[in-house]
Amino acid sequence: PVIMELWSRLAERGYWKQPDNPICDMD
């Protein structure tokens, strides 16, 4: 239901990894 949670699930399952240029604050 929340985009942050979607991102979290993708990361947990290894579909997402920290890019070379680190994340900034997303509003």
mmCIF file of all heavy atoms, coordinates in Angstrom:
data_MODEL
# 
_entry.id   MODEL 
# 
loop_
_atom_site.group_PDB 
_atom_site.id 
_atom_site.type_symbol 
_atom_site.label_atom_id 
_atom_site.label_alt_id 
_atom_site.label_comp_id 
_atom_site.label_asym_id 
_atom_site.label_entity_id 
_atom_site.label_seq_id 
_atom_site.pdbx_PDB_ins_code 
_atom_site.Cartn_x 
_atom_site.Cartn_y 
_atom_site.Cartn_z 
_atom_site.occupancy 
_atom_site.B_iso_or_equiv 
_atom_site.pdbx_formal_charge 
_atom_site.auth_seq_id 
_atom_site.auth_comp_id 
_atom_site.auth_asym_id 
_atom_site.auth_atom_id 
_atom_site.pdbx_PDB_model_num 
ATOM 1   N N   . PRO A 1 1  ? 0.804  -1.228  0.000  1.00 0.00 ? 1  PRO A N   1 
ATOM 2   C CA  . PRO A 1 1  ? 0.000  0.000   0.000  1.00 0.00 ? 1  PRO A CA  1 
ATOM 3   C C   . PRO A 1 1  ? 0.841  1.285   0.000  1.00 0.00 ? 1  PRO A C   1 
ATOM 4   O O   . PRO A 1 1  ? 0.368  2.337   -0.391 1.00 0.00 ? 1  PRO A O   1 
ATOM 5   C CB  . PRO A 1 1  ? -0.827 -0.100  1.286  1.00 0.00 ? 1  PRO A CB  1 
ATOM 6   C CG  . PRO A 1 1  ? -0.071 -1.040  2.155  1.00 0.00 ? 1  PRO A CG  1 
ATOM 7   C CD  . PRO A 1 1  ? 0.684  -1.966  1.251  1.00 0.00 ? 1  PRO A CD  1 
ATOM 8   N N   . VAL A 1 2  ? 2.095  1.186   0.426  1.00 0.00 ? 2  VAL A N   1 
ATOM 9   C CA  . VAL A 1 2  ? 2.970  2.358   0.523  1.00 0.00 ? 2  VAL A CA  1 
ATOM 10  C C   . VAL A 1 2  ? 4.215  2.108   -0.324 1.00 0.00 ? 2  VAL A C   1 
ATOM 11  O O   . VAL A 1 2  ? 4.797  1.019   -0.275 1.00 0.00 ? 2  VAL A O   1 
ATOM 12  C CB  . VAL A 1 2  ? 3.375  2.597   2.004  1.00 0.00 ? 2  VAL A CB  1 
ATOM 13  C CG1 . VAL A 1 2  ? 4.282  3.801   2.144  1.00 0.00 ? 2  VAL A CG1 1 
ATOM 14  C CG2 . VAL A 1 2  ? 2.146  2.735   2.883  1.00 0.00 ? 2  VAL A CG2 1 
ATOM 15  N N   . ILE A 1 3  ? 4.643  3.124   -1.072 1.00 0.00 ? 3  ILE A N   1 
ATOM 16  C CA  . ILE A 1 3  ? 5.777  2.937   -1.991 1.00 0.00 ? 3  ILE A CA  1 
ATOM 17  C C   . ILE A 1 3  ? 7.061  2.567   -1.251 1.00 0.00 ? 3  ILE A C   1 
ATOM 18  O O   . ILE A 1 3  ? 7.870  1.783   -1.733 1.00 0.00 ? 3  ILE A O   1 
ATOM 19  C CB  . ILE A 1 3  ? 5.963  4.154   -2.917 1.00 0.00 ? 3  ILE A CB  1 
ATOM 20  C CG1 . ILE A 1 3  ? 6.857  3.744   -4.093 1.00 0.00 ? 3  ILE A CG1 1 
ATOM 21  C CG2 . ILE A 1 3  ? 6.501  5.349   -2.169 1.00 0.00 ? 3  ILE A CG2 1 
ATOM 22  C CD1 . ILE A 1 3  ? 6.677  4.539   -5.338 1.00 0.00 ? 3  ILE A CD1 1 
ATOM 23  N N   . MET A 1 4  ? 7.237  3.113   -0.031 1.00 0.00 ? 4  MET A N   1 
ATOM 24  C CA  . MET A 1 4  ? 8.417  2.771   0.763  1.00 0.00 ? 4  MET A CA  1 
ATOM 25  C C   . MET A 1 4  ? 8.446  1.277   1.087  1.00 0.00 ? 4  MET A C   1 
ATOM 26  O O   . MET A 1 4  ? 9.510  0.656   1.101  1.00 0.00 ? 4  MET A O   1 
ATOM 27  C CB  . MET A 1 4  ? 8.391  3.552   2.075  1.00 0.00 ? 4  MET A CB  1 
ATOM 28  C CG  . MET A 1 4  ? 9.577  4.449   2.273  1.00 0.00 ? 4  MET A CG  1 
ATOM 29  S SD  . MET A 1 4  ? 9.313  5.534   3.679  1.00 0.00 ? 4  MET A SD  1 
ATOM 30  C CE  . MET A 1 4  ? 9.713  4.443   5.021  1.00 0.00 ? 4  MET A CE  1 
ATOM 31  N N   . GLU A 1 5  ? 7.282  0.709   1.347  1.00 0.00 ? 5  GLU A N   1 
ATOM 32  C CA  . GLU A 1 5  ? 7.192  -0.719  1.655  1.00 0.00 ? 5  GLU A CA  1 
ATOM 33  C C   . GLU A 1 5  ? 7.489  -1.562  0.413  1.00 0.00 ? 5  GLU A C   1 
ATOM 34  O O   . GLU A 1 5  ? 8.102  -2.622  0.514  1.00 0.00 ? 5  GLU A O   1 
ATOM 35  C CB  . GLU A 1 5  ? 5.812  -1.075  2.213  1.00 0.00 ? 5  GLU A CB  1 
ATOM 36  C CG  . GLU A 1 5  ? 5.579  -0.545  3.614  1.00 0.00 ? 5  GLU A CG  1 
ATOM 37  C CD  . GLU A 1 5  ? 6.573  -1.103  4.619  1.00 0.00 ? 5  GLU A CD  1 
ATOM 38  O OE1 . GLU A 1 5  ? 6.831  -2.316  4.626  1.00 0.00 ? 5  GLU A OE1 1 
ATOM 39  O OE2 . GLU A 1 5  ? 7.113  -0.302  5.411  1.00 0.00 ? 5  GLU A OE2 1 
ATOM 40  N N   . LEU A 1 6  ? 7.056  -1.087  -0.743 1.00 0.00 ? 6  LEU A N   1 
ATOM 41  C CA  . LEU A 1 6  ? 7.356  -1.791  -1.993 1.00 0.00 ? 6  LEU A CA  1 
ATOM 42  C C   . LEU A 1 6  ? 8.871  -1.845  -2.187 1.00 0.00 ? 6  LEU A C   1 
ATOM 43  O O   . LEU A 1 6  ? 9.440  -2.890  -2.477 1.00 0.00 ? 6  LEU A O   1 
ATOM 44  C CB  . LEU A 1 6  ? 6.686  -1.087  -3.179 1.00 0.00 ? 6  LEU A CB  1 
ATOM 45  C CG  . LEU A 1 6  ? 6.957  -1.727  -4.535 1.00 0.00 ? 6  LEU A CG  1 
ATOM 46  C CD1 . LEU A 1 6  ? 6.275  -3.084  -4.654 1.00 0.00 ? 6  LEU A CD1 1 
ATOM 47  C CD2 . LEU A 1 6  ? 6.480  -0.813  -5.647 1.00 0.00 ? 6  LEU A CD2 1 
ATOM 48  N N   . TRP A 1 7  ? 9.521  -0.713  -1.996 1.00 0.00 ? 7  TRP A N   1 
ATOM 49  C CA  . TRP A 1 7  ? 10.975 -0.638  -2.116 1.00 0.00 ? 7  TRP A CA  1 
ATOM 50  C C   . TRP A 1 7  ? 11.635 -1.602  -1.127 1.00 0.00 ? 7  TRP A C   1 
ATOM 51  O O   . TRP A 1 7  ? 12.557 -2.337  -1.481 1.00 0.00 ? 7  TRP A O   1 
ATOM 52  C CB  . TRP A 1 7  ? 11.422 0.805   -1.865 1.00 0.00 ? 7  TRP A CB  1 
ATOM 53  C CG  . TRP A 1 7  ? 12.865 0.937   -1.552 1.00 0.00 ? 7  TRP A CG  1 
ATOM 54  C CD1 . TRP A 1 7  ? 13.902 0.837   -2.419 1.00 0.00 ? 7  TRP A CD1 1 
ATOM 55  C CD2 . TRP A 1 7  ? 13.435 1.158   -0.268 1.00 0.00 ? 7  TRP A CD2 1 
ATOM 56  N NE1 . TRP A 1 7  ? 15.094 0.987   -1.752 1.00 0.00 ? 7  TRP A NE1 1 
ATOM 57  C CE2 . TRP A 1 7  ? 14.825 1.195   -0.427 1.00 0.00 ? 7  TRP A CE2 1 
ATOM 58  C CE3 . TRP A 1 7  ? 12.900 1.341   1.001  1.00 0.00 ? 7  TRP A CE3 1 
ATOM 59  C CZ2 . TRP A 1 7  ? 15.692 1.406   0.626  1.00 0.00 ? 7  TRP A CZ2 1 
ATOM 60  C CZ3 . TRP A 1 7  ? 13.768 1.551   2.060  1.00 0.00 ? 7  TRP A CZ3 1 
ATOM 61  C CH2 . TRP A 1 7  ? 15.150 1.574   1.852  1.00 0.00 ? 7  TRP A CH2 1 
ATOM 62  N N   . SER A 1 8  ? 11.111 -1.630  0.098  1.00 0.00 ? 8  SER A N   1 
ATOM 63  C CA  . SER A 1 8  ? 11.658 -2.498  1.135  1.00 0.00 ? 8  SER A CA  1 
ATOM 64  C C   . SER A 1 8  ? 11.544 -3.980  0.739  1.00 0.00 ? 8  SER A C   1 
ATOM 65  O O   . SER A 1 8  ? 12.489 -4.753  0.903  1.00 0.00 ? 8  SER A O   1 
ATOM 66  C CB  . SER A 1 8  ? 10.910 -2.222  2.440  1.00 0.00 ? 8  SER A CB  1 
ATOM 67  O OG  . SER A 1 8  ? 11.458 -2.961  3.484  1.00 0.00 ? 8  SER A OG  1 
ATOM 68  N N   . ARG A 1 9  ? 10.393 -4.384  0.205  1.00 0.00 ? 9  ARG A N   1 
ATOM 69  C CA  . ARG A 1 9  ? 10.198 -5.782  -0.238 1.00 0.00 ? 9  ARG A CA  1 
ATOM 70  C C   . ARG A 1 9  ? 11.157 -6.121  -1.376 1.00 0.00 ? 9  ARG A C   1 
ATOM 71  O O   . ARG A 1 9  ? 11.707 -7.219  -1.416 1.00 0.00 ? 9  ARG A O   1 
ATOM 72  C CB  . ARG A 1 9  ? 8.777  -6.044  -0.723 1.00 0.00 ? 9  ARG A CB  1 
ATOM 73  C CG  . ARG A 1 9  ? 7.660  -6.012  0.226  1.00 0.00 ? 9  ARG A CG  1 
ATOM 74  C CD  . ARG A 1 9  ? 7.767  -6.933  1.415  1.00 0.00 ? 9  ARG A CD  1 
ATOM 75  N NE  . ARG A 1 9  ? 7.184  -6.270  2.551  1.00 0.00 ? 9  ARG A NE  1 
ATOM 76  C CZ  . ARG A 1 9  ? 7.842  -5.588  3.489  1.00 0.00 ? 9  ARG A CZ  1 
ATOM 77  N NH1 . ARG A 1 9  ? 9.137  -5.510  3.477  1.00 0.00 ? 9  ARG A NH1 1 
ATOM 78  N NH2 . ARG A 1 9  ? 7.220  -4.988  4.473  1.00 0.00 ? 9  ARG A NH2 1 
ATOM 79  N N   . LEU A 1 10 ? 11.329 -5.211  -2.309 1.00 0.00 ? 10 LEU A N   1 
ATOM 80  C CA  . LEU A 1 10 ? 12.251 -5.459  -3.433 1.00 0.00 ? 10 LEU A CA  1 
ATOM 81  C C   . LEU A 1 10 ? 13.677 -5.654  -2.912 1.00 0.00 ? 10 LEU A C   1 
ATOM 82  O O   . LEU A 1 10 ? 14.398 -6.543  -3.361 1.00 0.00 ? 10 LEU A O   1 
ATOM 83  C CB  . LEU A 1 10 ? 12.204 -4.301  -4.438 1.00 0.00 ? 10 LEU A CB  1 
ATOM 84  C CG  . LEU A 1 10 ? 10.922 -4.203  -5.267 1.00 0.00 ? 10 LEU A CG  1 
ATOM 85  C CD1 . LEU A 1 10 ? 10.826 -2.840  -5.942 1.00 0.00 ? 10 LEU A CD1 1 
ATOM 86  C CD2 . LEU A 1 10 ? 10.841 -5.315  -6.295 1.00 0.00 ? 10 LEU A CD2 1 
ATOM 87  N N   . ALA A 1 11 ? 14.075 -4.844  -1.948 1.00 0.00 ? 11 ALA A N   1 
ATOM 88  C CA  . ALA A 1 11 ? 15.422 -4.949  -1.375 1.00 0.00 ? 11 ALA A CA  1 
ATOM 89  C C   . ALA A 1 11 ? 15.582 -6.264  -0.607 1.00 0.00 ? 11 ALA A C   1 
ATOM 90  O O   . ALA A 1 11 ? 16.597 -6.953  -0.745 1.00 0.00 ? 11 ALA A O   1 
ATOM 91  C CB  . ALA A 1 11 ? 15.705 -3.754  -0.466 1.00 0.00 ? 11 ALA A CB  1 
ATOM 92  N N   . GLU A 1 12 ? 14.571 -6.622  0.193  1.00 0.00 ? 12 GLU A N   1 
ATOM 93  C CA  . GLU A 1 12 ? 14.625 -7.866  0.969  1.00 0.00 ? 12 GLU A CA  1 
ATOM 94  C C   . GLU A 1 12 ? 14.843 -9.085  0.085  1.00 0.00 ? 12 GLU A C   1 
ATOM 95  O O   . GLU A 1 12 ? 15.524 -10.018 0.460  1.00 0.00 ? 12 GLU A O   1 
ATOM 96  C CB  . GLU A 1 12 ? 13.294 -8.082  1.714  1.00 0.00 ? 12 GLU A CB  1 
ATOM 97  C CG  . GLU A 1 12 ? 13.150 -7.343  2.986  1.00 0.00 ? 12 GLU A CG  1 
ATOM 98  C CD  . GLU A 1 12 ? 11.748 -7.504  3.574  1.00 0.00 ? 12 GLU A CD  1 
ATOM 99  O OE1 . GLU A 1 12 ? 10.946 -8.318  3.064  1.00 0.00 ? 12 GLU A OE1 1 
ATOM 100 O OE2 . GLU A 1 12 ? 11.460 -6.792  4.554  1.00 0.00 ? 12 GLU A OE2 1 
ATOM 101 N N   . ARG A 1 13 ? 14.235 -9.074  -1.071 1.00 0.00 ? 13 ARG A N   1 
ATOM 102 C CA  . ARG A 1 13 ? 14.297 -10.233 -1.961 1.00 0.00 ? 13 ARG A CA  1 
ATOM 103 C C   . ARG A 1 13 ? 15.467 -10.191 -2.940 1.00 0.00 ? 13 ARG A C   1 
ATOM 104 O O   . ARG A 1 13 ? 15.583 -11.041 -3.807 1.00 0.00 ? 13 ARG A O   1 
ATOM 105 C CB  . ARG A 1 13 ? 12.976 -10.362 -2.722 1.00 0.00 ? 13 ARG A CB  1 
ATOM 106 C CG  . ARG A 1 13 ? 11.831 -10.633 -1.765 1.00 0.00 ? 13 ARG A CG  1 
ATOM 107 C CD  . ARG A 1 13 ? 10.511 -10.699 -2.438 1.00 0.00 ? 13 ARG A CD  1 
ATOM 108 N NE  . ARG A 1 13 ? 9.465  -10.798 -1.427 1.00 0.00 ? 13 ARG A NE  1 
ATOM 109 C CZ  . ARG A 1 13 ? 8.197  -10.909 -1.701 1.00 0.00 ? 13 ARG A CZ  1 
ATOM 110 N NH1 . ARG A 1 13 ? 7.793  -10.946 -2.954 1.00 0.00 ? 13 ARG A NH1 1 
ATOM 111 N NH2 . ARG A 1 13 ? 7.305  -10.988 -0.749 1.00 0.00 ? 13 ARG A NH2 1 
ATOM 112 N N   . GLY A 1 14 ? 16.322 -9.175  -2.800 1.00 0.00 ? 14 GLY A N   1 
ATOM 113 C CA  . GLY A 1 14 ? 17.517 -9.103  -3.638 1.00 0.00 ? 14 GLY A CA  1 
ATOM 114 C C   . GLY A 1 14 ? 17.274 -8.525  -5.024 1.00 0.00 ? 14 GLY A C   1 
ATOM 115 O O   . GLY A 1 14 ? 18.149 -8.582  -5.880 1.00 0.00 ? 14 GLY A O   1 
ATOM 116 N N   . TYR A 1 15 ? 16.093 -7.941  -5.240 1.00 0.00 ? 15 TYR A N   1 
ATOM 117 C CA  . TYR A 1 15 ? 15.798 -7.347  -6.545 1.00 0.00 ? 15 TYR A CA  1 
ATOM 118 C C   . TYR A 1 15 ? 16.325 -5.922  -6.636 1.00 0.00 ? 15 TYR A C   1 
ATOM 119 O O   . TYR A 1 15 ? 16.421 -5.347  -7.700 1.00 0.00 ? 15 TYR A O   1 
ATOM 120 C CB  . TYR A 1 15 ? 14.287 -7.325  -6.818 1.00 0.00 ? 15 TYR A CB  1 
ATOM 121 C CG  . TYR A 1 15 ? 13.662 -8.690  -6.857 1.00 0.00 ? 15 TYR A CG  1 
ATOM 122 C CD1 . TYR A 1 15 ? 12.500 -8.967  -6.150 1.00 0.00 ? 15 TYR A CD1 1 
ATOM 123 C CD2 . TYR A 1 15 ? 14.226 -9.720  -7.612 1.00 0.00 ? 15 TYR A CD2 1 
ATOM 124 C CE1 . TYR A 1 15 ? 11.916 -10.222 -6.188 1.00 0.00 ? 15 TYR A CE1 1 
ATOM 125 C CE2 . TYR A 1 15 ? 13.648 -10.972 -7.639 1.00 0.00 ? 15 TYR A CE2 1 
ATOM 126 C CZ  . TYR A 1 15 ? 12.494 -11.223 -6.934 1.00 0.00 ? 15 TYR A CZ  1 
ATOM 127 O OH  . TYR A 1 15 ? 11.925 -12.460 -6.972 1.00 0.00 ? 15 TYR A OH  1 
ATOM 128 N N   . TRP A 1 16 ? 16.638 -5.338  -5.500 1.00 0.00 ? 16 TRP A N   1 
ATOM 129 C CA  . TRP A 1 16 ? 17.114 -3.958  -5.448 1.00 0.00 ? 16 TRP A CA  1 
ATOM 130 C C   . TRP A 1 16 ? 18.389 -3.940  -4.638 1.00 0.00 ? 16 TRP A C   1 
ATOM 131 O O   . TRP A 1 16 ? 18.504 -4.620  -3.620 1.00 0.00 ? 16 TRP A O   1 
ATOM 132 C CB  . TRP A 1 16 ? 16.071 -3.066  -4.777 1.00 0.00 ? 16 TRP A CB  1 
ATOM 133 C CG  . TRP A 1 16 ? 16.373 -1.608  -4.854 1.00 0.00 ? 16 TRP A CG  1 
ATOM 134 C CD1 . TRP A 1 16 ? 15.974 -0.752  -5.841 1.00 0.00 ? 16 TRP A CD1 1 
ATOM 135 C CD2 . TRP A 1 16 ? 17.136 -0.825  -3.938 1.00 0.00 ? 16 TRP A CD2 1 
ATOM 136 N NE1 . TRP A 1 16 ? 16.450 0.505   -5.589 1.00 0.00 ? 16 TRP A NE1 1 
ATOM 137 C CE2 . TRP A 1 16 ? 17.169 0.484   -4.423 1.00 0.00 ? 16 TRP A CE2 1 
ATOM 138 C CE3 . TRP A 1 16 ? 17.810 -1.115  -2.755 1.00 0.00 ? 16 TRP A CE3 1 
ATOM 139 C CZ2 . TRP A 1 16 ? 17.828 1.518   -3.778 1.00 0.00 ? 16 TRP A CZ2 1 
ATOM 140 C CZ3 . TRP A 1 16 ? 18.481 -0.097  -2.109 1.00 0.00 ? 16 TRP A CZ3 1 
ATOM 141 C CH2 . TRP A 1 16 ? 18.481 1.209   -2.610 1.00 0.00 ? 16 TRP A CH2 1 
ATOM 142 N N   . LYS A 1 17 ? 19.361 -3.181  -5.099 1.00 0.00 ? 17 LYS A N   1 
ATOM 143 C CA  . LYS A 1 17 ? 20.572 -2.999  -4.298 1.00 0.00 ? 17 LYS A CA  1 
ATOM 144 C C   . LYS A 1 17 ? 20.990 -1.543  -4.388 1.00 0.00 ? 17 LYS A C   1 
ATOM 145 O O   . LYS A 1 17 ? 20.640 -0.848  -5.345 1.00 0.00 ? 17 LYS A O   1 
ATOM 146 C CB  . LYS A 1 17 ? 21.696 -3.926  -4.769 1.00 0.00 ? 17 LYS A CB  1 
ATOM 147 C CG  . LYS A 1 17 ? 22.182 -3.679  -6.177 1.00 0.00 ? 17 LYS A CG  1 
ATOM 148 C CD  . LYS A 1 17 ? 23.263 -4.664  -6.535 1.00 0.00 ? 17 LYS A CD  1 
ATOM 149 C CE  . LYS A 1 17 ? 23.858 -4.310  -7.885 1.00 0.00 ? 17 LYS A CE  1 
ATOM 150 N NZ  . LYS A 1 17 ? 24.980 -5.129  -8.229 1.00 0.00 ? 17 LYS A NZ  1 
ATOM 151 N N   . GLN A 1 18 ? 21.729 -1.100  -3.406 1.00 0.00 ? 18 GLN A N   1 
ATOM 152 C CA  . GLN A 1 18 ? 22.152 0.298   -3.352 1.00 0.00 ? 18 GLN A CA  1 
ATOM 153 C C   . GLN A 1 18 ? 22.939 0.653   -4.604 1.00 0.00 ? 18 GLN A C   1 
ATOM 154 O O   . GLN A 1 18 ? 23.942 0.016   -4.902 1.00 0.00 ? 18 GLN A O   1 
ATOM 155 C CB  . GLN A 1 18 ? 23.024 0.506   -2.111 1.00 0.00 ? 18 GLN A CB  1 
ATOM 156 C CG  . GLN A 1 18 ? 23.464 1.924   -1.904 1.00 0.00 ? 18 GLN A CG  1 
ATOM 157 C CD  . GLN A 1 18 ? 22.349 2.825   -1.433 1.00 0.00 ? 18 GLN A CD  1 
ATOM 158 O OE1 . GLN A 1 18 ? 21.499 2.417   -0.660 1.00 0.00 ? 18 GLN A OE1 1 
ATOM 159 N NE2 . GLN A 1 18 ? 22.335 4.036   -1.901 1.00 0.00 ? 18 GLN A NE2 1 
ATOM 160 N N   . PRO A 1 19 ? 22.490 1.638   -5.373 1.00 0.00 ? 19 PRO A N   1 
ATOM 161 C CA  . PRO A 1 19 ? 23.260 2.027   -6.560 1.00 0.00 ? 19 PRO A CA  1 
ATOM 162 C C   . PRO A 1 19 ? 24.577 2.691   -6.172 1.00 0.00 ? 19 PRO A C   1 
ATOM 163 O O   . PRO A 1 19 ? 24.781 3.033   -5.007 1.00 0.00 ? 19 PRO A O   1 
ATOM 164 C CB  . PRO A 1 19 ? 22.336 3.016   -7.287 1.00 0.00 ? 19 PRO A CB  1 
ATOM 165 C CG  . PRO A 1 19 ? 21.223 3.337   -6.369 1.00 0.00 ? 19 PRO A CG  1 
ATOM 166 C CD  . PRO A 1 19 ? 21.272 2.393   -5.204 1.00 0.00 ? 19 PRO A CD  1 
ATOM 167 N N   . ASP A 1 20 ? 25.463 2.859   -7.139 1.00 0.00 ? 20 ASP A N   1 
ATOM 168 C CA  . ASP A 1 20 ? 26.762 3.479   -6.872 1.00 0.00 ? 20 ASP A CA  1 
ATOM 169 C C   . ASP A 1 20 ? 26.610 4.876   -6.277 1.00 0.00 ? 20 ASP A C   1 
ATOM 170 O O   . ASP A 1 20 ? 27.360 5.275   -5.412 1.00 0.00 ? 20 ASP A O   1 
ATOM 171 C CB  . ASP A 1 20 ? 27.600 3.546   -8.150 1.00 0.00 ? 20 ASP A CB  1 
ATOM 172 C CG  . ASP A 1 20 ? 28.030 2.161   -8.604 1.00 0.00 ? 20 ASP A CG  1 
ATOM 173 O OD1 . ASP A 1 20 ? 28.052 1.231   -7.762 1.00 0.00 ? 20 ASP A OD1 1 
ATOM 174 O OD2 . ASP A 1 20 ? 28.332 1.996   -9.801 1.00 0.00 ? 20 ASP A OD2 1 
ATOM 175 N N   . ASN A 1 21 ? 25.638 5.633   -6.799 1.00 0.00 ? 21 ASN A N   1 
ATOM 176 C CA  . ASN A 1 21 ? 25.391 6.948   -6.209 1.00 0.00 ? 21 ASN A CA  1 
ATOM 177 C C   . ASN A 1 21 ? 24.291 6.788   -5.152 1.00 0.00 ? 21 ASN A C   1 
ATOM 178 O O   . ASN A 1 21 ? 23.171 6.444   -5.471 1.00 0.00 ? 21 ASN A O   1 
ATOM 179 C CB  . ASN A 1 21 ? 24.985 7.969   -7.278 1.00 0.00 ? 21 ASN A CB  1 
ATOM 180 C CG  . ASN A 1 21 ? 23.900 7.444   -8.196 1.00 0.00 ? 21 ASN A CG  1 
ATOM 181 O OD1 . ASN A 1 21 ? 23.640 6.245   -8.229 1.00 0.00 ? 21 ASN A OD1 1 
ATOM 182 N ND2 . ASN A 1 21 ? 23.269 8.322   -8.923 1.00 0.00 ? 21 ASN A ND2 1 
ATOM 183 N N   . PRO A 1 22 ? 24.640 6.994   -3.868 1.00 0.00 ? 22 PRO A N   1 
ATOM 184 C CA  . PRO A 1 22 ? 23.709 6.701   -2.778 1.00 0.00 ? 22 PRO A CA  1 
ATOM 185 C C   . PRO A 1 22 ? 22.412 7.500   -2.868 1.00 0.00 ? 22 PRO A C   1 
ATOM 186 O O   . PRO A 1 22 ? 22.355 8.558   -3.472 1.00 0.00 ? 22 PRO A O   1 
ATOM 187 C CB  . PRO A 1 22 ? 24.481 7.061   -1.519 1.00 0.00 ? 22 PRO A CB  1 
ATOM 188 C CG  . PRO A 1 22 ? 25.811 7.497   -1.939 1.00 0.00 ? 22 PRO A CG  1 
ATOM 189 C CD  . PRO A 1 22 ? 25.895 7.515   -3.420 1.00 0.00 ? 22 PRO A CD  1 
ATOM 190 N N   . ILE A 1 23 ? 21.423 6.961   -2.195 1.00 0.00 ? 23 ILE A N   1 
ATOM 191 C CA  . ILE A 1 23 ? 20.088 7.561   -2.199 1.00 0.00 ? 23 ILE A CA  1 
ATOM 192 C C   . ILE A 1 23 ? 20.055 8.865   -1.418 1.00 0.00 ? 23 ILE A C   1 
ATOM 193 O O   . ILE A 1 23 ? 20.686 8.987   -0.380 1.00 0.00 ? 23 ILE A O   1 
ATOM 194 C CB  . ILE A 1 23 ? 19.108 6.571   -1.552 1.00 0.00 ? 23 ILE A CB  1 
ATOM 195 C CG1 . ILE A 1 23 ? 18.832 5.461   -2.520 1.00 0.00 ? 23 ILE A CG1 1 
ATOM 196 C CG2 . ILE A 1 23 ? 17.843 7.247   -1.129 1.00 0.00 ? 23 ILE A CG2 1 
ATOM 197 C CD1 . ILE A 1 23 ? 17.668 4.629   -2.125 1.00 0.00 ? 23 ILE A CD1 1 
ATOM 198 N N   . CYS A 1 24 ? 19.289 9.806   -1.931 1.00 0.00 ? 24 CYS A N   1 
ATOM 199 C CA  . CYS A 1 24 ? 19.027 11.050  -1.207 1.00 0.00 ? 24 CYS A CA  1 
ATOM 200 C C   . CYS A 1 24 ? 17.665 10.873  -0.535 1.00 0.00 ? 24 CYS A C   1 
ATOM 201 O O   . CYS A 1 24 ? 17.041 9.844   -0.667 1.00 0.00 ? 24 CYS A O   1 
ATOM 202 C CB  . CYS A 1 24 ? 18.948 12.217  -2.176 1.00 0.00 ? 24 CYS A CB  1 
ATOM 203 S SG  . CYS A 1 24 ? 20.210 12.183  -3.442 1.00 0.00 ? 24 CYS A SG  1 
ATOM 204 N N   . ASP A 1 25 ? 17.201 11.885  0.129  1.00 0.00 ? 25 ASP A N   1 
ATOM 205 C CA  . ASP A 1 25 ? 15.857 11.810  0.720  1.00 0.00 ? 25 ASP A CA  1 
ATOM 206 C C   . ASP A 1 25 ? 14.831 11.880  -0.387 1.00 0.00 ? 25 ASP A C   1 
ATOM 207 O O   . ASP A 1 25 ? 14.900 12.748  -1.250 1.00 0.00 ? 25 ASP A O   1 
ATOM 208 C CB  . ASP A 1 25 ? 15.644 12.971  1.699  1.00 0.00 ? 25 ASP A CB  1 
ATOM 209 C CG  . ASP A 1 25 ? 16.487 12.817  2.945  1.00 0.00 ? 25 ASP A CG  1 
ATOM 210 O OD1 . ASP A 1 25 ? 16.794 11.665  3.299  1.00 0.00 ? 25 ASP A OD1 1 
ATOM 211 O OD2 . ASP A 1 25 ? 16.838 13.841  3.548  1.00 0.00 ? 25 ASP A OD2 1 
ATOM 212 N N   . MET A 1 26 ? 13.882 10.955  -0.352 1.00 0.00 ? 26 MET A N   1 
ATOM 213 C CA  . MET A 1 26 ? 12.825 10.955  -1.353 1.00 0.00 ? 26 MET A CA  1 
ATOM 214 C C   . MET A 1 26 ? 11.548 11.484  -0.715 1.00 0.00 ? 26 MET A C   1 
ATOM 215 O O   . MET A 1 26 ? 11.114 10.960  0.302  1.00 0.00 ? 26 MET A O   1 
ATOM 216 C CB  . MET A 1 26 ? 12.575 9.542   -1.894 1.00 0.00 ? 26 MET A CB  1 
ATOM 217 C CG  . MET A 1 26 ? 13.527 9.127   -2.973 1.00 0.00 ? 26 MET A CG  1 
ATOM 218 S SD  . MET A 1 26 ? 15.060 8.465   -2.364 1.00 0.00 ? 26 MET A SD  1 
ATOM 219 C CE  . MET A 1 26 ? 14.558 7.032   -1.517 1.00 0.00 ? 26 MET A CE  1 
ATOM 220 N N   . ASP A 1 27 ? 10.998 12.534  -1.307 1.00 0.00 ? 27 ASP A N   1 
ATOM 221 C CA  . ASP A 1 27 ? 9.780  13.130  -0.768 1.00 0.00 ? 27 ASP A CA  1 
ATOM 222 C C   . ASP A 1 27 ? 8.563  12.794  -1.609 1.00 0.00 ? 27 ASP A C   1 
ATOM 223 O O   . ASP A 1 27 ? 7.479  12.619  -1.099 1.00 0.00 ? 27 ASP A O   1 
ATOM 224 C CB  . ASP A 1 27 ? 9.916  14.658  -0.688 1.00 0.00 ? 27 ASP A CB  1 
ATOM 225 C CG  . ASP A 1 27 ? 11.008 15.079  0.282  1.00 0.00 ? 27 ASP A CG  1 
ATOM 226 O OD1 . ASP A 1 27 ? 11.175 14.406  1.311  1.00 0.00 ? 27 ASP A OD1 1 
ATOM 227 O OD2 . ASP A 1 27 ? 11.700 16.073  -0.018 1.00 0.00 ? 27 ASP A OD2 1 
# 
